[in-house]
Every structure is written in C-alpha cells, then in structure tokens.
Amino acid sequence: QVQLVESGGGSVQAGGSLRLSCLASAYTYSIDCMAWFRQAPGKEREGVAAIGRAGGTTYADFVKGRFTISKDNAKNTLYLQMNSLRPEDTAMYYCAANSPRCWSDLYNYWGRGTQVTVSS
C-alpha cells in the first residue's frame, strides 16, 4: 500500500509553465516505475510520461520537448515540469506508481489528481 498525493496544479495562460509534484508514502528509489497520466472531460485517460527505478524516461509524443519527468529520491517525490503549455493540455493529472512495465497502464497505485487548466 502506497499513498500518492499530487500538488502544483492550477490555471495558466497558453505558453506558461507549471511544475507538478507527487509525494509518495514509500521510498521512490524502491519503486519499479512511476508515471504521470492525464484525463480531460469526455476523453480517455492517457499516459504522459514515465520514469523507471534507475531514472530512464519515456514520454508521449504530444509532450516531447515540452514536459520533463523526474524524481527526487531524497524527498520521495515525483515531478512533472510542464513548459509551453497549450489549451489541449487542460486535464486532471494523476500520479501513478509500481508497474511491471513503465510505459503501460498496469500501475497499482494512483493519486487523486491535480487539475491543470490552460487558457488561450
């Protein structure tokens, strides 16, 4: 059982930046994979970025070059730095942890989400 708590969401104008955080109740260095997902109203949940135990990363095509996933094992915290935000990035963003494969939907633990709203 691991608790995940997201923070850092908010409202920004297009082109702006936000940094999301996910505090884990377990040691992040011991978690095989962690990831960020998002879901907009009326749309399916989609993977945004994932990071492995050793720090390897994978990104969805729609965020490559704009978003960066990272983790601070000393703080047991996962981050998502989001730059050059677009209105289509508007969604609820969820933190997830522990999957046998990082770029997958097979995560065991999920946060409750933090809202990101990008205006034109």
C-alpha atoms as a PDB file:
ATOM      1  CA  GLN A   1       0.000   0.000   0.000  1.00  0.00           C
ATOM      2  CA  VAL A   2       1.447   3.342  -1.092  1.00  0.00           C
ATOM      3  CA  GLN A   3      -0.225   6.719  -0.857  1.00  0.00           C
ATOM      4  CA  LEU A   4       0.343   9.312  -3.589  1.00  0.00           C
ATOM      5  CA  VAL A   5      -0.548  12.977  -3.211  1.00  0.00           C
ATOM      6  CA  GLU A   6      -0.312  15.378  -6.151  1.00  0.00           C
ATOM      7  CA  SER A   7       0.090  19.131  -5.941  1.00  0.00           C
ATOM      8  CA  GLY A   8       1.099  22.065  -8.121  1.00  0.00           C
ATOM      9  CA  GLY A   9      -1.855  22.247 -10.487  1.00  0.00           C
ATOM     10  CA  GLY A  10      -3.539  25.500 -11.349  1.00  0.00           C
ATOM     11  CA  SER A  11      -4.600  27.849 -14.119  1.00  0.00           C
ATOM     12  CA  VAL A  12      -2.123  29.342 -16.578  1.00  0.00           C
ATOM     13  CA  GLN A  13      -2.171  31.050 -19.950  1.00  0.00           C
ATOM     14  CA  ALA A  14      -1.013  29.284 -23.083  1.00  0.00           C
ATOM     15  CA  GLY A  15       2.770  29.256 -23.253  1.00  0.00           C
ATOM     16  CA  GLY A  16       3.128  29.230 -19.492  1.00  0.00           C
ATOM     17  CA  SER A  17       4.665  26.663 -17.166  1.00  0.00           C
ATOM     18  CA  LEU A  18       3.691  24.572 -14.166  1.00  0.00           C
ATOM     19  CA  ARG A  19       5.546  22.059 -12.026  1.00  0.00           C
ATOM     20  CA  LEU A  20       3.515  19.195 -10.617  1.00  0.00           C
ATOM     21  CA  SER A  21       4.663  17.232  -7.584  1.00  0.00           C
ATOM     22  CA  CYS A  22       3.680  13.812  -6.282  1.00  0.00           C
ATOM     23  CA  LEU A  23       4.653  12.890  -2.744  1.00  0.00           C
ATOM     24  CA  ALA A  24       4.858   9.140  -2.161  1.00  0.00           C
ATOM     25  CA  SER A  25       4.499   7.351   1.166  1.00  0.00           C
ATOM     26  CA  ALA A  26       7.094   4.796   0.046  1.00  0.00           C
ATOM     27  CA  TYR A  27      10.740   5.186  -0.869  1.00  0.00           C
ATOM     28  CA  THR A  28      10.763   6.188  -4.526  1.00  0.00           C
ATOM     29  CA  TYR A  29      14.124   4.515  -5.072  1.00  0.00           C
ATOM     30  CA  SER A  30      12.432   1.184  -4.364  1.00  0.00           C
ATOM     31  CA  ILE A  31       9.533   1.685  -6.813  1.00  0.00           C
ATOM     32  CA  ASP A  32       9.998  -0.001 -10.192  1.00  0.00           C
ATOM     33  CA  CYS A  33       8.133   2.637 -12.208  1.00  0.00           C
ATOM     34  CA  MET A  34       6.312   5.904 -11.640  1.00  0.00           C
ATOM     35  CA  ALA A  35       4.303   7.889 -14.136  1.00  0.00           C
ATOM     36  CA  TRP A  36       2.011  10.788 -14.873  1.00  0.00           C
ATOM     37  CA  PHE A  37      -1.329  10.310 -16.604  1.00  0.00           C
ATOM     38  CA  ARG A  38      -3.990  12.813 -17.528  1.00  0.00           C
ATOM     39  CA  GLN A  39      -7.674  12.797 -18.342  1.00  0.00           C
ATOM     40  CA  ALA A  40      -9.741  15.582 -19.860  1.00  0.00           C
ATOM     41  CA  PRO A  41     -13.542  15.680 -19.562  1.00  0.00           C
ATOM     42  CA  GLY A  42     -15.156  13.279 -22.009  1.00  0.00           C
ATOM     43  CA  LYS A  43     -11.823  11.776 -23.038  1.00  0.00           C
ATOM     44  CA  GLU A  44      -9.887   8.641 -22.176  1.00  0.00           C
ATOM     45  CA  ARG A  45      -7.060   8.630 -19.682  1.00  0.00           C
ATOM     46  CA  GLU A  46      -3.686   8.846 -21.399  1.00  0.00           C
ATOM     47  CA  GLY A  47      -0.102   8.354 -20.342  1.00  0.00           C
ATOM     48  CA  VAL A  48       2.013  11.494 -20.253  1.00  0.00           C
ATOM     49  CA  ALA A  49       5.429  10.394 -19.015  1.00  0.00           C
ATOM     50  CA  ALA A  50       7.028   7.559 -17.073  1.00  0.00           C
ATOM     51  CA  ILE A  51      10.268   7.048 -15.188  1.00  0.00           C
ATOM     52  CA  GLY A  52      11.983   3.838 -14.139  1.00  0.00           C
ATOM     53  CA  ARG A  53      13.744   2.895 -10.949  1.00  0.00           C
ATOM     54  CA  ALA A  54      17.124   3.835 -12.428  1.00  0.00           C
ATOM     55  CA  GLY A  55      15.849   7.073 -13.951  1.00  0.00           C
ATOM     56  CA  GLY A  56      15.127   6.099 -17.545  1.00  0.00           C
ATOM     57  CA  THR A  57      12.241   8.081 -19.038  1.00  0.00           C
ATOM     58  CA  THR A  58       9.530   7.695 -21.663  1.00  0.00           C
ATOM     59  CA  TYR A  59       7.254  10.440 -22.999  1.00  0.00           C
ATOM     60  CA  ALA A  60       4.084  10.627 -25.001  1.00  0.00           C
ATOM     61  CA  ASP A  61       4.634  12.211 -28.400  1.00  0.00           C
ATOM     62  CA  PHE A  62       2.388  15.152 -27.589  1.00  0.00           C
ATOM     63  CA  VAL A  63       4.629  16.328 -24.724  1.00  0.00           C
ATOM     64  CA  LYS A  64       8.117  15.583 -26.047  1.00  0.00           C
ATOM     65  CA  GLY A  65      10.304  18.643 -25.832  1.00  0.00           C
ATOM     66  CA  ARG A  66       7.852  20.406 -23.525  1.00  0.00           C
ATOM     67  CA  PHE A  67       7.494  18.250 -20.400  1.00  0.00           C
ATOM     68  CA  THR A  68      10.135  16.661 -18.194  1.00  0.00           C
ATOM     69  CA  ILE A  69       9.549  13.901 -15.648  1.00  0.00           C
ATOM     70  CA  SER A  70      11.975  13.497 -12.772  1.00  0.00           C
ATOM     71  CA  LYS A  71      12.147  12.253  -9.214  1.00  0.00           C
ATOM     72  CA  ASP A  72      13.952  13.186  -6.042  1.00  0.00           C
ATOM     73  CA  ASN A  73      14.529  10.028  -4.053  1.00  0.00           C
ATOM     74  CA  ALA A  74      15.694  12.017  -1.026  1.00  0.00           C
ATOM     75  CA  LYS A  75      12.230  13.600  -0.865  1.00  0.00           C
ATOM     76  CA  ASN A  76      10.248  10.600  -2.166  1.00  0.00           C
ATOM     77  CA  THR A  77       8.740  12.950  -4.710  1.00  0.00           C
ATOM     78  CA  LEU A  78       7.938  12.648  -8.406  1.00  0.00           C
ATOM     79  CA  TYR A  79       7.827  15.784 -10.563  1.00  0.00           C
ATOM     80  CA  LEU A  80       6.452  16.844 -13.905  1.00  0.00           C
ATOM     81  CA  GLN A  81       7.840  20.096 -15.268  1.00  0.00           C
ATOM     82  CA  MET A  82       5.444  21.383 -17.913  1.00  0.00           C
ATOM     83  CA  ASN A  83       6.564  24.149 -20.261  1.00  0.00           C
ATOM     84  CA  SER A  84       4.980  25.714 -23.336  1.00  0.00           C
ATOM     85  CA  LEU A  85       1.554  24.680 -22.130  1.00  0.00           C
ATOM     86  CA  ARG A  86      -1.307  24.520 -24.605  1.00  0.00           C
ATOM     87  CA  PRO A  87      -5.079  24.640 -24.068  1.00  0.00           C
ATOM     88  CA  GLU A  88      -5.247  20.968 -25.059  1.00  0.00           C
ATOM     89  CA  ASP A  89      -3.076  20.159 -22.031  1.00  0.00           C
ATOM     90  CA  THR A  90      -6.044  21.033 -19.826  1.00  0.00           C
ATOM     91  CA  ALA A  91      -6.865  17.922 -17.793  1.00  0.00           C
ATOM     92  CA  MET A  92      -6.770  16.269 -14.415  1.00  0.00           C
ATOM     93  CA  TYR A  93      -3.236  14.976 -13.921  1.00  0.00           C
ATOM     94  CA  TYR A  94      -2.661  11.794 -11.932  1.00  0.00           C
ATOM     95  CA  CYS A  95       0.437  10.313 -10.363  1.00  0.00           C
ATOM     96  CA  ALA A  96       0.858   6.534 -10.541  1.00  0.00           C
ATOM     97  CA  ALA A  97       3.352   4.099  -9.049  1.00  0.00           C
ATOM     98  CA  ASN A  98       4.501   0.495  -9.301  1.00  0.00           C
ATOM     99  CA  SER A  99       4.087  -1.181 -12.654  1.00  0.00           C
ATOM    100  CA  PRO A 100       5.977  -4.136 -14.136  1.00  0.00           C
ATOM    101  CA  ARG A 101       6.425  -2.043 -17.283  1.00  0.00           C
ATOM    102  CA  CYS A 102       6.833   1.710 -17.077  1.00  0.00           C
ATOM    103  CA  TRP A 103       5.101   2.612 -20.333  1.00  0.00           C
ATOM    104  CA  SER A 104       1.865   0.809 -19.584  1.00  0.00           C
ATOM    105  CA  ASP A 105      -1.467   1.140 -17.825  1.00  0.00           C
ATOM    106  CA  LEU A 106      -0.578  -1.519 -15.242  1.00  0.00           C
ATOM    107  CA  TYR A 107       0.020   0.729 -12.251  1.00  0.00           C
ATOM    108  CA  ASN A 108      -1.026  -0.473  -8.814  1.00  0.00           C
ATOM    109  CA  TYR A 109      -1.282   2.863  -7.041  1.00  0.00           C
ATOM    110  CA  TRP A 110      -2.863   6.148  -8.068  1.00  0.00           C
ATOM    111  CA  GLY A 111      -3.162   9.618  -6.636  1.00  0.00           C
ATOM    112  CA  ARG A 112      -6.424  11.541  -6.582  1.00  0.00           C
ATOM    113  CA  GLY A 113      -5.259  14.060  -9.173  1.00  0.00           C
ATOM    114  CA  THR A 114      -4.473  17.740  -9.558  1.00  0.00           C
ATOM    115  CA  GLN A 115      -6.242  19.982 -12.065  1.00  0.00           C
ATOM    116  CA  VAL A 116      -4.339  21.829 -14.788  1.00  0.00           C
ATOM    117  CA  THR A 117      -6.194  24.440 -16.811  1.00  0.00           C
ATOM    118  CA  VAL A 118      -4.573  26.257 -19.737  1.00  0.00           C
ATOM    119  CA  SER A 119      -6.393  29.219 -21.257  1.00  0.00           C
ATOM    120  CA  SER A 120      -5.943  30.749 -24.705  1.00  0.00           C
END
